[in-house]
Amino acid sequence: MLLNADECQVALIDYQTKLLPAIADGAAVLAAAQRLARMAALVGVPVWATEQCPDKLGATDDALAPLATRIVPKTAFSAADVLEPLLAPAPAETPAPKGNARSLPKHLRKAPPVPQPERGCIVIAGCETHVCLLQTALELLDSGWDVCVVQDACGSRDVRQRDAAFDRMAAAGCELVTVEMAGFEWLRTSAHPQFRTLQGIVK
């Protein structure tokens, strides 16, 4: 499955000032998250961010926060509950058919289908991979979202924990991608008007 910019949203999990110094190769993980958010902005992909207990773990990194469409706090490890109201579009209003149920044609007696999200693919990255990121990804997957995990923008204090989480998410049905995969799949062609700008972000 190739990523389509019109169908994606980005979720950045807990890139917080007091957590990042403890993350293995944290500077590279943060830089990858910044590139991902900048690429998303180029192609009109919304970027949501979360903060785990910000009073204790600090706010989202100063360089990353302005790239987010919205930042929401949380206390649960999974961010699914706070993210899903942002991810899901408002349900379309369907006018109620007139007449009682018996007088209606059969095709009008059935309940209208539940509208599907316009952007049903969540491109997710964050810290720590084996805790908040993992639990968020699995809960979103269980709720019917397509979930793509951006490996190079994910981090944990211990790389063994991080890698075990990648294995588990892949086995559950998450797609594993990288920042560059996401960016170039969103463009699809070097003829895209944002190609040179995105290429500059990569370099």
N, C-alpha and C. Protein backbone atom coordinates (compact mmCIF):
# COMPACT_ATOMS: atom_id res chain seq x y z
N MET A 1 0.84 -1.19 0.00
CA MET A 1 0.00 0.00 0.00
C MET A 1 0.88 1.25 0.00
N LEU A 2 0.78 2.05 -1.04
CA LEU A 2 1.50 3.32 -1.07
C LEU A 2 0.70 4.38 -0.33
N LEU A 3 1.40 5.28 0.34
CA LEU A 3 0.73 6.35 1.07
C LEU A 3 0.22 7.41 0.10
N ASN A 4 -1.00 7.87 0.34
CA ASN A 4 -1.62 8.90 -0.46
C ASN A 4 -1.82 10.13 0.42
N ALA A 5 -1.29 11.26 0.02
CA ALA A 5 -1.36 12.48 0.85
C ALA A 5 -2.79 12.86 1.20
N ASP A 6 -3.72 12.62 0.28
CA ASP A 6 -5.12 12.99 0.53
C ASP A 6 -5.80 12.08 1.55
N GLU A 7 -5.17 10.95 1.87
CA GLU A 7 -5.80 9.99 2.77
C GLU A 7 -5.09 9.88 4.12
N CYS A 8 -4.03 10.69 4.32
CA CYS A 8 -3.19 10.55 5.52
C CYS A 8 -3.38 11.67 6.53
N GLN A 9 -3.11 11.32 7.78
CA GLN A 9 -2.92 12.27 8.87
C GLN A 9 -1.68 11.81 9.63
N VAL A 10 -0.97 12.76 10.22
CA VAL A 10 0.23 12.42 11.00
C VAL A 10 -0.06 12.60 12.48
N ALA A 11 0.36 11.63 13.29
CA ALA A 11 0.25 11.72 14.74
C ALA A 11 1.64 11.61 15.35
N LEU A 12 2.06 12.66 16.06
CA LEU A 12 3.37 12.69 16.70
C LEU A 12 3.18 12.52 18.20
N ILE A 13 3.73 11.45 18.75
CA ILE A 13 3.46 11.08 20.12
C ILE A 13 4.61 11.45 21.06
N ASP A 14 4.36 12.45 21.91
CA ASP A 14 5.19 12.72 23.10
C ASP A 14 6.66 13.05 22.84
N TYR A 15 6.91 13.98 21.94
CA TYR A 15 8.27 14.48 21.74
C TYR A 15 8.51 15.62 22.73
N GLN A 16 8.72 15.27 23.97
CA GLN A 16 8.72 16.26 25.05
C GLN A 16 10.11 16.54 25.60
N THR A 17 10.27 17.76 26.08
CA THR A 17 11.60 18.27 26.43
C THR A 17 12.30 17.47 27.52
N LYS A 18 11.55 16.93 28.48
CA LYS A 18 12.18 16.19 29.58
C LYS A 18 12.30 14.70 29.28
N LEU A 19 11.67 14.25 28.21
CA LEU A 19 11.74 12.84 27.82
C LEU A 19 12.83 12.60 26.78
N LEU A 20 12.96 13.52 25.83
CA LEU A 20 13.88 13.31 24.71
C LEU A 20 15.34 13.07 25.12
N PRO A 21 15.86 13.73 26.15
CA PRO A 21 17.27 13.46 26.51
C PRO A 21 17.52 12.01 26.93
N ALA A 22 16.49 11.31 27.35
CA ALA A 22 16.65 9.92 27.78
C ALA A 22 16.52 8.92 26.63
N ILE A 23 16.09 9.40 25.47
CA ILE A 23 15.84 8.52 24.33
C ILE A 23 17.15 8.20 23.60
N ALA A 24 17.36 6.94 23.29
CA ALA A 24 18.57 6.54 22.55
C ALA A 24 18.59 7.25 21.20
N ASP A 25 19.68 7.95 20.91
CA ASP A 25 19.83 8.72 19.67
C ASP A 25 18.69 9.72 19.51
N GLY A 26 18.33 10.35 20.62
CA GLY A 26 17.17 11.24 20.66
C GLY A 26 17.22 12.40 19.68
N ALA A 27 18.42 12.95 19.46
CA ALA A 27 18.54 14.09 18.53
C ALA A 27 18.16 13.67 17.12
N ALA A 28 18.58 12.48 16.70
CA ALA A 28 18.25 12.00 15.36
C ALA A 28 16.77 11.67 15.24
N VAL A 29 16.20 11.11 16.30
CA VAL A 29 14.76 10.80 16.31
C VAL A 29 13.95 12.09 16.17
N LEU A 30 14.31 13.11 16.94
CA LEU A 30 13.62 14.39 16.86
C LEU A 30 13.78 15.04 15.49
N ALA A 31 14.98 14.99 14.94
CA ALA A 31 15.21 15.57 13.61
C ALA A 31 14.35 14.88 12.56
N ALA A 32 14.21 13.56 12.67
CA ALA A 32 13.36 12.82 11.73
C ALA A 32 11.90 13.23 11.87
N ALA A 33 11.46 13.43 13.10
CA ALA A 33 10.07 13.87 13.32
C ALA A 33 9.84 15.26 12.72
N GLN A 34 10.81 16.12 12.86
CA GLN A 34 10.69 17.46 12.28
C GLN A 34 10.60 17.38 10.76
N ARG A 35 11.43 16.53 10.14
CA ARG A 35 11.37 16.37 8.68
C ARG A 35 10.00 15.83 8.27
N LEU A 36 9.50 14.86 9.01
CA LEU A 36 8.18 14.30 8.70
C LEU A 36 7.10 15.37 8.76
N ALA A 37 7.11 16.19 9.79
CA ALA A 37 6.09 17.23 9.95
C ALA A 37 6.20 18.29 8.86
N ARG A 38 7.42 18.64 8.48
CA ARG A 38 7.61 19.63 7.42
C ARG A 38 7.14 19.09 6.07
N MET A 39 7.43 17.83 5.81
CA MET A 39 6.96 17.22 4.57
C MET A 39 5.44 17.16 4.54
N ALA A 40 4.84 16.81 5.66
CA ALA A 40 3.38 16.75 5.73
C ALA A 40 2.77 18.11 5.41
N ALA A 41 3.36 19.16 5.96
CA ALA A 41 2.84 20.51 5.71
C ALA A 41 2.90 20.87 4.23
N LEU A 42 3.94 20.41 3.53
CA LEU A 42 4.10 20.72 2.10
C LEU A 42 2.94 20.18 1.27
N VAL A 43 2.40 19.03 1.69
CA VAL A 43 1.38 18.37 0.87
C VAL A 43 0.00 18.42 1.51
N GLY A 44 -0.16 19.24 2.55
CA GLY A 44 -1.47 19.43 3.14
C GLY A 44 -1.95 18.31 4.04
N VAL A 45 -1.03 17.55 4.62
CA VAL A 45 -1.40 16.48 5.54
C VAL A 45 -1.45 17.05 6.95
N PRO A 46 -2.57 16.92 7.67
CA PRO A 46 -2.66 17.45 9.04
C PRO A 46 -1.69 16.75 9.97
N VAL A 47 -1.15 17.51 10.93
CA VAL A 47 -0.21 16.96 11.90
C VAL A 47 -0.75 17.21 13.31
N TRP A 48 -0.99 16.13 14.05
CA TRP A 48 -1.46 16.21 15.42
C TRP A 48 -0.33 15.76 16.34
N ALA A 49 -0.26 16.33 17.53
CA ALA A 49 0.78 15.94 18.49
C ALA A 49 0.16 15.76 19.87
N THR A 50 0.79 14.90 20.67
CA THR A 50 0.32 14.67 22.03
C THR A 50 1.45 14.91 23.02
N GLU A 51 1.05 15.13 24.28
CA GLU A 51 2.00 15.30 25.38
C GLU A 51 1.54 14.47 26.56
N GLN A 52 2.41 13.58 27.04
CA GLN A 52 2.12 12.75 28.20
C GLN A 52 2.47 13.52 29.47
N CYS A 53 1.45 13.78 30.30
CA CYS A 53 1.66 14.49 31.58
C CYS A 53 2.65 15.65 31.41
N PRO A 54 2.30 16.67 30.63
CA PRO A 54 3.26 17.74 30.31
C PRO A 54 3.79 18.48 31.53
N ASP A 55 3.04 18.46 32.63
CA ASP A 55 3.53 19.12 33.84
C ASP A 55 4.77 18.41 34.39
N LYS A 56 4.93 17.12 34.05
CA LYS A 56 6.08 16.36 34.53
C LYS A 56 7.13 16.12 33.44
N LEU A 57 6.68 15.90 32.22
CA LEU A 57 7.62 15.56 31.14
C LEU A 57 7.91 16.73 30.21
N GLY A 58 7.33 17.89 30.49
CA GLY A 58 7.60 19.07 29.69
C GLY A 58 6.72 19.15 28.45
N ALA A 59 6.85 20.26 27.76
CA ALA A 59 6.07 20.51 26.56
C ALA A 59 6.74 19.86 25.34
N THR A 60 6.02 19.87 24.22
CA THR A 60 6.59 19.41 22.96
C THR A 60 7.81 20.26 22.62
N ASP A 61 8.84 19.63 22.06
CA ASP A 61 10.06 20.34 21.69
C ASP A 61 9.74 21.62 20.92
N ASP A 62 10.46 22.67 21.25
CA ASP A 62 10.18 24.00 20.68
C ASP A 62 10.25 24.04 19.16
N ALA A 63 11.13 23.25 18.57
CA ALA A 63 11.27 23.26 17.10
C ALA A 63 10.16 22.47 16.43
N LEU A 64 9.57 21.53 17.15
CA LEU A 64 8.54 20.68 16.57
C LEU A 64 7.14 21.23 16.78
N ALA A 65 6.92 21.87 17.92
CA ALA A 65 5.56 22.33 18.27
C ALA A 65 4.91 23.22 17.21
N PRO A 66 5.63 24.18 16.59
CA PRO A 66 4.97 25.03 15.59
C PRO A 66 4.54 24.29 14.33
N LEU A 67 5.04 23.07 14.14
CA LEU A 67 4.70 22.30 12.95
C LEU A 67 3.43 21.49 13.13
N ALA A 68 2.92 21.45 14.36
CA ALA A 68 1.72 20.67 14.65
C ALA A 68 0.46 21.50 14.44
N THR A 69 -0.55 20.89 13.86
CA THR A 69 -1.85 21.55 13.71
C THR A 69 -2.48 21.80 15.07
N ARG A 70 -2.32 20.83 15.97
CA ARG A 70 -2.84 20.95 17.32
C ARG A 70 -2.08 19.99 18.23
N ILE A 71 -1.88 20.40 19.49
CA ILE A 71 -1.23 19.56 20.49
C ILE A 71 -2.22 19.30 21.61
N VAL A 72 -2.37 18.02 21.99
CA VAL A 72 -3.32 17.67 23.05
C VAL A 72 -2.60 16.93 24.18
N PRO A 73 -2.94 17.24 25.44
CA PRO A 73 -2.34 16.53 26.57
C PRO A 73 -3.06 15.21 26.82
N LYS A 74 -2.39 14.32 27.54
CA LYS A 74 -2.99 13.04 27.90
C LYS A 74 -2.34 12.52 29.18
N THR A 75 -3.04 11.58 29.82
CA THR A 75 -2.46 10.89 30.97
C THR A 75 -2.37 9.38 30.69
N ALA A 76 -3.28 8.85 29.87
CA ALA A 76 -3.18 7.44 29.48
C ALA A 76 -1.98 7.26 28.57
N PHE A 77 -1.38 6.07 28.60
CA PHE A 77 -0.25 5.82 27.71
C PHE A 77 -0.69 5.87 26.24
N SER A 78 -1.81 5.24 25.92
CA SER A 78 -2.33 5.32 24.56
C SER A 78 -2.92 6.71 24.32
N ALA A 79 -2.64 7.25 23.15
CA ALA A 79 -3.21 8.55 22.78
C ALA A 79 -4.47 8.41 21.94
N ALA A 80 -4.93 7.17 21.73
CA ALA A 80 -6.06 6.96 20.82
C ALA A 80 -7.29 7.75 21.24
N ASP A 81 -7.61 7.76 22.53
CA ASP A 81 -8.83 8.44 22.99
C ASP A 81 -8.80 9.94 22.73
N VAL A 82 -7.63 10.57 22.88
CA VAL A 82 -7.56 12.02 22.66
C VAL A 82 -7.37 12.36 21.19
N LEU A 83 -6.82 11.42 20.43
CA LEU A 83 -6.59 11.68 19.01
C LEU A 83 -7.83 11.45 18.16
N GLU A 84 -8.60 10.41 18.45
CA GLU A 84 -9.69 10.03 17.54
C GLU A 84 -10.71 11.14 17.30
N PRO A 85 -11.06 11.97 18.31
CA PRO A 85 -11.97 13.09 17.98
C PRO A 85 -11.38 14.06 16.96
N LEU A 86 -10.04 14.17 16.92
CA LEU A 86 -9.39 15.04 15.94
C LEU A 86 -9.27 14.35 14.58
N LEU A 87 -9.04 13.05 14.62
CA LEU A 87 -8.82 12.30 13.38
C LEU A 87 -10.10 12.09 12.60
N ALA A 88 -11.21 11.86 13.31
CA ALA A 88 -12.45 11.50 12.63
C ALA A 88 -13.16 12.74 12.11
N PRO A 89 -13.66 12.71 10.87
CA PRO A 89 -14.43 13.85 10.36
C PRO A 89 -15.80 13.90 11.02
N ALA A 90 -16.42 15.06 11.00
CA ALA A 90 -17.78 15.17 11.52
C ALA A 90 -18.70 14.30 10.67
N PRO A 91 -19.62 13.53 11.31
CA PRO A 91 -20.49 12.67 10.52
C PRO A 91 -21.37 13.48 9.59
N ALA A 92 -21.53 12.99 8.38
CA ALA A 92 -22.38 13.69 7.40
C ALA A 92 -23.83 13.58 7.83
N GLU A 93 -24.53 14.67 7.69
CA GLU A 93 -25.95 14.64 8.05
C GLU A 93 -26.76 14.09 6.89
N THR A 94 -27.55 13.07 7.19
CA THR A 94 -28.40 12.46 6.17
C THR A 94 -29.84 12.84 6.48
N PRO A 95 -30.54 13.50 5.56
CA PRO A 95 -31.92 13.89 5.84
C PRO A 95 -32.78 12.66 6.11
N ALA A 96 -33.59 12.76 7.14
CA ALA A 96 -34.47 11.64 7.48
C ALA A 96 -35.55 11.50 6.42
N PRO A 97 -35.79 10.25 5.96
CA PRO A 97 -36.85 10.05 4.97
C PRO A 97 -38.22 10.34 5.57
N LYS A 98 -39.12 10.84 4.75
CA LYS A 98 -40.46 11.17 5.23
C LYS A 98 -41.36 9.95 5.16
N GLY A 99 -42.36 9.94 6.04
CA GLY A 99 -43.31 8.82 6.06
C GLY A 99 -42.94 7.82 7.13
N ASN A 100 -43.89 6.92 7.45
CA ASN A 100 -43.57 5.91 8.45
C ASN A 100 -42.84 4.75 7.79
N ALA A 101 -42.27 3.86 8.62
CA ALA A 101 -41.41 2.80 8.10
C ALA A 101 -42.13 1.88 7.12
N ARG A 102 -43.41 1.60 7.37
CA ARG A 102 -44.14 0.68 6.50
C ARG A 102 -44.42 1.27 5.13
N SER A 103 -44.56 2.61 5.08
CA SER A 103 -44.91 3.23 3.81
C SER A 103 -43.68 3.50 2.95
N LEU A 104 -42.48 3.35 3.52
CA LEU A 104 -41.27 3.66 2.78
C LEU A 104 -40.84 2.48 1.91
N PRO A 105 -40.25 2.77 0.75
CA PRO A 105 -39.64 1.69 -0.03
C PRO A 105 -38.55 1.01 0.81
N LYS A 106 -38.28 -0.25 0.52
CA LYS A 106 -37.34 -1.03 1.33
C LYS A 106 -35.96 -0.37 1.42
N HIS A 107 -35.50 0.22 0.30
CA HIS A 107 -34.15 0.77 0.32
C HIS A 107 -34.04 1.99 1.23
N LEU A 108 -35.18 2.60 1.60
CA LEU A 108 -35.16 3.76 2.50
C LEU A 108 -35.37 3.37 3.95
N ARG A 109 -35.73 2.12 4.19
CA ARG A 109 -35.96 1.70 5.57
C ARG A 109 -34.67 1.40 6.29
N LYS A 110 -33.61 1.11 5.55
CA LYS A 110 -32.34 0.77 6.17
C LYS A 110 -31.64 2.02 6.68
N ALA A 111 -30.86 1.83 7.75
CA ALA A 111 -30.07 2.95 8.28
C ALA A 111 -29.00 3.32 7.27
N PRO A 112 -28.71 4.61 7.11
CA PRO A 112 -27.65 5.01 6.17
C PRO A 112 -26.31 4.46 6.63
N PRO A 113 -25.40 4.17 5.68
CA PRO A 113 -24.09 3.65 6.06
C PRO A 113 -23.31 4.68 6.88
N VAL A 114 -22.50 4.19 7.80
CA VAL A 114 -21.65 5.09 8.59
C VAL A 114 -20.57 5.66 7.67
N PRO A 115 -20.42 6.99 7.63
CA PRO A 115 -19.42 7.57 6.74
C PRO A 115 -18.01 7.16 7.17
N GLN A 116 -17.17 6.84 6.20
CA GLN A 116 -15.80 6.48 6.49
C GLN A 116 -14.94 7.75 6.55
N PRO A 117 -13.90 7.74 7.40
CA PRO A 117 -13.03 8.91 7.47
C PRO A 117 -12.42 9.22 6.11
N GLU A 118 -12.35 10.50 5.79
CA GLU A 118 -11.74 10.89 4.53
C GLU A 118 -10.23 10.64 4.56
N ARG A 119 -9.64 10.74 5.74
CA ARG A 119 -8.20 10.50 5.90
C ARG A 119 -8.03 9.34 6.87
N GLY A 120 -8.19 8.15 6.35
CA GLY A 120 -8.23 6.97 7.19
C GLY A 120 -6.90 6.33 7.49
N CYS A 121 -5.80 6.91 6.99
CA CYS A 121 -4.47 6.36 7.24
C CYS A 121 -3.72 7.26 8.23
N ILE A 122 -3.31 6.69 9.35
CA ILE A 122 -2.59 7.46 10.35
C ILE A 122 -1.10 7.11 10.27
N VAL A 123 -0.30 8.12 9.96
CA VAL A 123 1.15 7.98 9.91
C VAL A 123 1.67 8.43 11.27
N ILE A 124 2.19 7.48 12.04
CA ILE A 124 2.45 7.74 13.45
C ILE A 124 3.92 7.55 13.79
N ALA A 125 4.39 8.39 14.71
CA ALA A 125 5.77 8.28 15.20
C ALA A 125 5.80 8.85 16.61
N GLY A 126 6.81 8.45 17.38
CA GLY A 126 6.88 9.03 18.72
C GLY A 126 7.75 8.28 19.69
N CYS A 127 7.57 8.67 20.96
CA CYS A 127 8.34 8.13 22.08
C CYS A 127 7.38 7.79 23.24
N GLU A 128 7.63 6.84 24.07
CA GLU A 128 8.57 5.80 23.77
C GLU A 128 7.89 4.77 22.88
N THR A 129 8.65 4.21 21.98
CA THR A 129 8.09 3.31 20.97
C THR A 129 7.34 2.14 21.58
N HIS A 130 7.90 1.56 22.65
CA HIS A 130 7.33 0.35 23.23
C HIS A 130 6.22 0.61 24.25
N VAL A 131 5.94 1.88 24.52
CA VAL A 131 4.88 2.20 25.50
C VAL A 131 3.79 3.02 24.81
N CYS A 132 3.92 4.33 24.81
CA CYS A 132 2.84 5.19 24.30
C CYS A 132 2.61 5.00 22.80
N LEU A 133 3.69 4.90 22.03
CA LEU A 133 3.54 4.73 20.58
C LEU A 133 2.88 3.39 20.27
N LEU A 134 3.38 2.32 20.87
CA LEU A 134 2.83 0.99 20.63
C LEU A 134 1.35 0.91 21.00
N GLN A 135 1.01 1.37 22.19
CA GLN A 135 -0.39 1.27 22.63
C GLN A 135 -1.31 2.11 21.76
N THR A 136 -0.84 3.29 21.34
CA THR A 136 -1.65 4.13 20.45
C THR A 136 -1.88 3.45 19.11
N ALA A 137 -0.80 2.93 18.53
CA ALA A 137 -0.88 2.29 17.22
C ALA A 137 -1.83 1.10 17.24
N LEU A 138 -1.72 0.26 18.26
CA LEU A 138 -2.56 -0.94 18.32
C LEU A 138 -4.02 -0.59 18.54
N GLU A 139 -4.29 0.42 19.36
CA GLU A 139 -5.69 0.81 19.59
C GLU A 139 -6.29 1.46 18.34
N LEU A 140 -5.52 2.26 17.62
CA LEU A 140 -6.01 2.84 16.37
C LEU A 140 -6.28 1.75 15.35
N LEU A 141 -5.40 0.77 15.29
CA LEU A 141 -5.58 -0.36 14.39
C LEU A 141 -6.86 -1.12 14.73
N ASP A 142 -7.09 -1.35 16.01
CA ASP A 142 -8.30 -2.05 16.45
C ASP A 142 -9.56 -1.26 16.12
N SER A 143 -9.44 0.07 16.04
CA SER A 143 -10.59 0.91 15.73
C SER A 143 -10.85 1.04 14.24
N GLY A 144 -10.02 0.38 13.42
CA GLY A 144 -10.28 0.35 11.98
C GLY A 144 -9.45 1.31 11.16
N TRP A 145 -8.50 2.01 11.78
CA TRP A 145 -7.63 2.90 11.02
C TRP A 145 -6.50 2.10 10.37
N ASP A 146 -6.02 2.56 9.22
CA ASP A 146 -4.77 2.06 8.67
C ASP A 146 -3.64 2.79 9.39
N VAL A 147 -2.67 2.06 9.90
CA VAL A 147 -1.60 2.68 10.71
C VAL A 147 -0.25 2.39 10.08
N CYS A 148 0.50 3.47 9.81
CA CYS A 148 1.86 3.36 9.30
C CYS A 148 2.81 3.96 10.33
N VAL A 149 3.76 3.17 10.79
CA VAL A 149 4.70 3.59 11.83
C VAL A 149 6.01 4.03 11.18
N VAL A 150 6.43 5.26 11.47
CA VAL A 150 7.63 5.83 10.86
C VAL A 150 8.83 5.47 11.74
N GLN A 151 9.55 4.44 11.37
CA GLN A 151 10.56 3.86 12.25
C GLN A 151 11.68 4.82 12.65
N ASP A 152 12.21 5.58 11.69
CA ASP A 152 13.36 6.42 12.01
C ASP A 152 12.98 7.64 12.85
N ALA A 153 11.69 7.88 13.03
CA ALA A 153 11.24 8.99 13.87
C ALA A 153 10.69 8.49 15.21
N CYS A 154 10.98 7.22 15.55
CA CYS A 154 10.51 6.62 16.81
C CYS A 154 11.70 6.33 17.71
N GLY A 155 11.50 6.45 19.01
CA GLY A 155 12.61 6.17 19.92
C GLY A 155 12.16 5.64 21.26
N SER A 156 13.08 4.92 21.89
CA SER A 156 12.92 4.43 23.27
C SER A 156 14.25 4.61 23.98
N ARG A 157 14.22 4.49 25.30
CA ARG A 157 15.48 4.56 26.05
C ARG A 157 16.38 3.38 25.70
N ASP A 158 15.77 2.25 25.40
CA ASP A 158 16.49 1.02 25.12
C ASP A 158 16.10 0.56 23.71
N VAL A 159 17.09 0.40 22.83
CA VAL A 159 16.76 0.03 21.44
C VAL A 159 16.16 -1.36 21.33
N ARG A 160 16.45 -2.24 22.30
CA ARG A 160 15.84 -3.58 22.26
C ARG A 160 14.34 -3.49 22.49
N GLN A 161 13.94 -2.60 23.38
CA GLN A 161 12.51 -2.36 23.61
C GLN A 161 11.85 -1.79 22.35
N ARG A 162 12.55 -0.83 21.73
CA ARG A 162 12.04 -0.21 20.49
C ARG A 162 11.85 -1.26 19.40
N ASP A 163 12.86 -2.09 19.19
CA ASP A 163 12.80 -3.07 18.10
C ASP A 163 11.74 -4.13 18.36
N ALA A 164 11.56 -4.51 19.63
CA ALA A 164 10.51 -5.47 19.97
C ALA A 164 9.13 -4.87 19.65
N ALA A 165 8.98 -3.57 19.89
CA ALA A 165 7.71 -2.91 19.58
C ALA A 165 7.46 -2.88 18.08
N PHE A 166 8.51 -2.63 17.28
CA PHE A 166 8.35 -2.66 15.82
C PHE A 166 7.87 -4.04 15.36
N ASP A 167 8.48 -5.09 15.91
CA ASP A 167 8.07 -6.45 15.54
C ASP A 167 6.61 -6.69 15.87
N ARG A 168 6.22 -6.26 17.05
CA ARG A 168 4.84 -6.50 17.48
C ARG A 168 3.84 -5.72 16.63
N MET A 169 4.15 -4.46 16.34
CA MET A 169 3.23 -3.65 15.53
C MET A 169 3.11 -4.20 14.11
N ALA A 170 4.23 -4.64 13.54
CA ALA A 170 4.20 -5.21 12.19
C ALA A 170 3.35 -6.48 12.18
N ALA A 171 3.51 -7.31 13.20
CA ALA A 171 2.75 -8.56 13.27
C ALA A 171 1.26 -8.29 13.42
N ALA A 172 0.92 -7.17 14.06
CA ALA A 172 -0.49 -6.83 14.27
C ALA A 172 -1.14 -6.23 13.03
N GLY A 173 -0.32 -5.78 12.06
CA GLY A 173 -0.89 -5.23 10.83
C GLY A 173 -0.50 -3.81 10.51
N CYS A 174 0.37 -3.20 11.32
CA CYS A 174 0.86 -1.86 11.01
C CYS A 174 1.89 -1.95 9.88
N GLU A 175 1.89 -0.95 9.01
CA GLU A 175 2.94 -0.82 7.99
C GLU A 175 4.12 -0.11 8.63
N LEU A 176 5.34 -0.57 8.37
CA LEU A 176 6.54 0.11 8.85
C LEU A 176 7.16 0.87 7.69
N VAL A 177 7.35 2.17 7.88
CA VAL A 177 7.89 3.04 6.82
C VAL A 177 8.99 3.91 7.41
N THR A 178 9.61 4.73 6.57
CA THR A 178 10.58 5.72 7.02
C THR A 178 10.08 7.10 6.60
N VAL A 179 10.74 8.13 7.12
CA VAL A 179 10.35 9.50 6.77
C VAL A 179 10.43 9.71 5.26
N GLU A 180 11.52 9.27 4.65
CA GLU A 180 11.68 9.48 3.21
C GLU A 180 10.64 8.69 2.42
N MET A 181 10.33 7.47 2.84
CA MET A 181 9.27 6.72 2.16
C MET A 181 7.98 7.51 2.16
N ALA A 182 7.60 8.02 3.33
CA ALA A 182 6.35 8.77 3.44
C ALA A 182 6.37 9.99 2.53
N GLY A 183 7.44 10.78 2.60
CA GLY A 183 7.50 12.01 1.82
C GLY A 183 7.42 11.77 0.33
N PHE A 184 8.20 10.82 -0.18
CA PHE A 184 8.21 10.59 -1.62
C PHE A 184 6.95 9.87 -2.10
N GLU A 185 6.32 9.09 -1.24
CA GLU A 185 5.04 8.50 -1.63
C GLU A 185 3.94 9.55 -1.67
N TRP A 186 4.00 10.52 -0.77
CA TRP A 186 3.03 11.62 -0.83
C TRP A 186 3.17 12.40 -2.14
N LEU A 187 4.38 12.55 -2.63
CA LEU A 187 4.59 13.29 -3.89
C LEU A 187 4.27 12.45 -5.11
N ARG A 188 4.75 11.21 -5.13
CA ARG A 188 4.58 10.24 -6.21
C ARG A 188 5.40 10.53 -7.46
N THR A 189 5.78 11.79 -7.71
CA THR A 189 6.46 12.11 -8.95
C THR A 189 7.38 13.32 -8.76
N SER A 190 8.48 13.34 -9.50
CA SER A 190 9.39 14.50 -9.45
C SER A 190 8.78 15.73 -10.12
N ALA A 191 7.64 15.53 -10.80
CA ALA A 191 6.94 16.66 -11.41
C ALA A 191 6.06 17.41 -10.40
N HIS A 192 5.95 16.86 -9.18
CA HIS A 192 5.14 17.52 -8.15
C HIS A 192 5.72 18.90 -7.86
N PRO A 193 4.88 19.92 -7.70
CA PRO A 193 5.42 21.28 -7.46
C PRO A 193 6.25 21.41 -6.18
N GLN A 194 6.09 20.50 -5.23
CA GLN A 194 6.85 20.58 -3.99
C GLN A 194 8.07 19.66 -3.98
N PHE A 195 8.40 19.06 -5.12
CA PHE A 195 9.49 18.08 -5.15
C PHE A 195 10.81 18.67 -4.67
N ARG A 196 11.21 19.80 -5.22
CA ARG A 196 12.51 20.37 -4.88
C ARG A 196 12.56 20.79 -3.39
N THR A 197 11.43 21.30 -2.90
CA THR A 197 11.40 21.69 -1.48
C THR A 197 11.54 20.47 -0.60
N LEU A 198 10.82 19.41 -0.92
CA LEU A 198 10.91 18.19 -0.13
C LEU A 198 12.31 17.59 -0.23
N GLN A 199 12.89 17.64 -1.42
CA GLN A 199 14.24 17.13 -1.60
C GLN A 199 15.22 17.89 -0.71
N GLY A 200 14.97 19.19 -0.56
CA GLY A 200 15.81 20.00 0.32
C GLY A 200 15.68 19.59 1.76
N ILE A 201 14.47 19.21 2.18
CA ILE A 201 14.27 18.73 3.57
C ILE A 201 15.03 17.44 3.80
N VAL A 202 15.02 16.57 2.81
CA VAL A 202 15.72 15.29 2.91
C VAL A 202 17.22 15.51 3.05
N LYS A 203 17.74 16.43 2.27
CA LYS A 203 19.20 16.67 2.27
C LYS A 203 19.64 17.48 3.47
